[in-house]
Amino acid sequence: MNNTNVMTVRMPAELKSKITCLAKEQGVSANQFAMYLLTKGIVSVEYEQLVARLTEGYSEDEILRDFKEVMAKISESDDVPEWDRLPSTP
């Protein structure tokens, strides 16, 4: 990283201890592990926000109906490995 900034974060001692312990198990520094966890958390929140924006105004039933409609257009192929096939519906 070329552009780094320092950010002091206050956290409970137990959380810091867990980060330090897990980082050691992973073979990385506590700083690297904390950055990984923060990045993973931010991506998760951004994804949730995206899904909320894309599904706004649609009911769960509408989304499921449209999903099933799209999936019905996909033909099953013998080239798909057994472990990757969609389960058959009754």
C-alpha atoms as a PDB file:
ATOM      1  CA  MET A   1       0.000   0.000   0.000  1.00  0.00           C
ATOM      2  CA  ASN A   2       1.443   3.308  -1.029  1.00  0.00           C
ATOM      3  CA  ASN A   3      -1.065   5.558   0.717  1.00  0.00           C
ATOM      4  CA  THR A   4      -1.495   4.435   4.294  1.00  0.00           C
ATOM      5  CA  ASN A   5      -3.006   6.322   7.179  1.00  0.00           C
ATOM      6  CA  VAL A   6      -2.915   5.597  10.858  1.00  0.00           C
ATOM      7  CA  MET A   7      -6.208   4.990  12.620  1.00  0.00           C
ATOM      8  CA  THR A   8      -6.365   4.318  16.323  1.00  0.00           C
ATOM      9  CA  VAL A   9      -9.233   2.040  17.285  1.00  0.00           C
ATOM     10  CA  ARG A  10     -10.295   1.453  20.860  1.00  0.00           C
ATOM     11  CA  MET A  11     -11.534  -2.066  21.525  1.00  0.00           C
ATOM     12  CA  PRO A  12     -12.061  -4.372  24.469  1.00  0.00           C
ATOM     13  CA  ALA A  13      -8.934  -6.220  25.591  1.00  0.00           C
ATOM     14  CA  GLU A  14     -10.618  -9.555  24.849  1.00  0.00           C
ATOM     15  CA  LEU A  15     -11.208  -8.584  21.207  1.00  0.00           C
ATOM     16  CA  LYS A  16      -7.609  -7.426  20.805  1.00  0.00           C
ATOM     17  CA  SER A  17      -6.437 -10.696  22.330  1.00  0.00           C
ATOM     18  CA  LYS A  18      -8.563 -12.708  19.888  1.00  0.00           C
ATOM     19  CA  ILE A  19      -7.230 -10.735  16.919  1.00  0.00           C
ATOM     20  CA  THR A  20      -3.653 -11.233  18.088  1.00  0.00           C
ATOM     21  CA  CYS A  21      -4.168 -14.959  18.715  1.00  0.00           C
ATOM     22  CA  LEU A  22      -5.935 -15.617  15.401  1.00  0.00           C
ATOM     23  CA  ALA A  23      -3.361 -13.565  13.498  1.00  0.00           C
ATOM     24  CA  LYS A  24      -0.593 -15.660  15.017  1.00  0.00           C
ATOM     25  CA  GLU A  25      -2.418 -18.855  13.978  1.00  0.00           C
ATOM     26  CA  GLN A  26      -2.693 -17.466  10.425  1.00  0.00           C
ATOM     27  CA  GLY A  27       0.969 -16.462  10.367  1.00  0.00           C
ATOM     28  CA  VAL A  28       0.291 -12.758   9.827  1.00  0.00           C
ATOM     29  CA  SER A  29       0.593  -9.642  11.952  1.00  0.00           C
ATOM     30  CA  ALA A  30      -2.292  -8.474  14.094  1.00  0.00           C
ATOM     31  CA  ASN A  31      -2.448  -5.355  11.903  1.00  0.00           C
ATOM     32  CA  GLN A  32      -2.743  -7.409   8.696  1.00  0.00           C
ATOM     33  CA  PHE A  33      -5.415  -9.626  10.234  1.00  0.00           C
ATOM     34  CA  ALA A  34      -7.411  -6.652  11.544  1.00  0.00           C
ATOM     35  CA  MET A  35      -7.225  -5.022   8.090  1.00  0.00           C
ATOM     36  CA  TYR A  36      -8.459  -8.270   6.523  1.00  0.00           C
ATOM     37  CA  LEU A  37     -11.404  -8.440   8.946  1.00  0.00           C
ATOM     38  CA  LEU A  38     -12.300  -4.782   8.388  1.00  0.00           C
ATOM     39  CA  THR A  39     -12.123  -5.195   4.617  1.00  0.00           C
ATOM     40  CA  LYS A  40     -14.260  -8.339   4.757  1.00  0.00           C
ATOM     41  CA  GLY A  41     -16.815  -6.564   6.944  1.00  0.00           C
ATOM     42  CA  ILE A  42     -16.964  -3.508   4.676  1.00  0.00           C
ATOM     43  CA  VAL A  43     -17.463  -5.666   1.573  1.00  0.00           C
ATOM     44  CA  SER A  44     -20.274  -7.501   3.356  1.00  0.00           C
ATOM     45  CA  VAL A  45     -22.048  -4.257   4.286  1.00  0.00           C
ATOM     46  CA  GLU A  46     -21.617  -2.880   0.757  1.00  0.00           C
ATOM     47  CA  TYR A  47     -23.086  -6.088  -0.693  1.00  0.00           C
ATOM     48  CA  GLU A  48     -26.078  -5.941   1.653  1.00  0.00           C
ATOM     49  CA  GLN A  49     -26.683  -2.320   0.617  1.00  0.00           C
ATOM     50  CA  LEU A  50     -26.478  -3.258  -3.077  1.00  0.00           C
ATOM     51  CA  VAL A  51     -28.960  -6.105  -2.678  1.00  0.00           C
ATOM     52  CA  ALA A  52     -31.304  -3.807  -0.745  1.00  0.00           C
ATOM     53  CA  ARG A  53     -31.155  -1.196  -3.538  1.00  0.00           C
ATOM     54  CA  LEU A  54     -31.694  -3.768  -6.293  1.00  0.00           C
ATOM     55  CA  THR A  55     -34.620  -5.450  -4.571  1.00  0.00           C
ATOM     56  CA  GLU A  56     -36.323  -2.284  -3.340  1.00  0.00           C
ATOM     57  CA  GLY A  57     -39.945  -2.211  -4.421  1.00  0.00           C
ATOM     58  CA  TYR A  58     -40.118  -5.944  -5.153  1.00  0.00           C
ATOM     59  CA  SER A  59     -41.747  -8.526  -2.922  1.00  0.00           C
ATOM     60  CA  GLU A  60     -39.999 -11.760  -2.031  1.00  0.00           C
ATOM     61  CA  ASP A  61     -42.595 -13.621  -4.108  1.00  0.00           C
ATOM     62  CA  GLU A  62     -41.852 -11.462  -7.179  1.00  0.00           C
ATOM     63  CA  ILE A  63     -38.114 -12.008  -6.830  1.00  0.00           C
ATOM     64  CA  LEU A  64     -38.534 -15.764  -6.426  1.00  0.00           C
ATOM     65  CA  ARG A  65     -40.945 -15.950  -9.378  1.00  0.00           C
ATOM     66  CA  ASP A  66     -38.549 -14.040 -11.643  1.00  0.00           C
ATOM     67  CA  PHE A  67     -35.608 -16.146 -10.466  1.00  0.00           C
ATOM     68  CA  LYS A  68     -37.463 -19.361 -11.269  1.00  0.00           C
ATOM     69  CA  GLU A  69     -38.405 -17.951 -14.678  1.00  0.00           C
ATOM     70  CA  VAL A  70     -34.769 -17.246 -15.515  1.00  0.00           C
ATOM     71  CA  MET A  71     -33.599 -20.609 -14.185  1.00  0.00           C
ATOM     72  CA  ALA A  72     -36.209 -22.382 -16.339  1.00  0.00           C
ATOM     73  CA  LYS A  73     -34.531 -20.905 -19.427  1.00  0.00           C
ATOM     74  CA  ILE A  74     -31.235 -22.568 -18.581  1.00  0.00           C
ATOM     75  CA  SER A  75     -31.058 -25.983 -20.172  1.00  0.00           C
ATOM     76  CA  GLU A  76     -29.425 -28.840 -18.348  1.00  0.00           C
ATOM     77  CA  SER A  77     -26.296 -30.008 -20.033  1.00  0.00           C
ATOM     78  CA  ASP A  78     -24.527 -33.335 -19.740  1.00  0.00           C
ATOM     79  CA  ASP A  79     -21.299 -31.339 -19.580  1.00  0.00           C
ATOM     80  CA  VAL A  80     -22.105 -30.164 -16.052  1.00  0.00           C
ATOM     81  CA  PRO A  81     -20.438 -32.330 -13.388  1.00  0.00           C
ATOM     82  CA  GLU A  82     -22.887 -34.186 -11.162  1.00  0.00           C
ATOM     83  CA  TRP A  83     -21.771 -32.249  -8.061  1.00  0.00           C
ATOM     84  CA  ASP A  84     -22.605 -28.948  -9.818  1.00  0.00           C
ATOM     85  CA  ARG A  85     -26.078 -29.857 -11.069  1.00  0.00           C
ATOM     86  CA  LEU A  86     -29.182 -28.211  -9.684  1.00  0.00           C
ATOM     87  CA  PRO A  87     -31.365 -30.515  -7.622  1.00  0.00           C
ATOM     88  CA  SER A  88     -34.490 -31.658  -9.413  1.00  0.00           C
ATOM     89  CA  THR A  89     -37.719 -30.213  -8.072  1.00  0.00           C
ATOM     90  CA  PRO A  90     -40.825 -32.354  -7.568  1.00  0.00           C
END
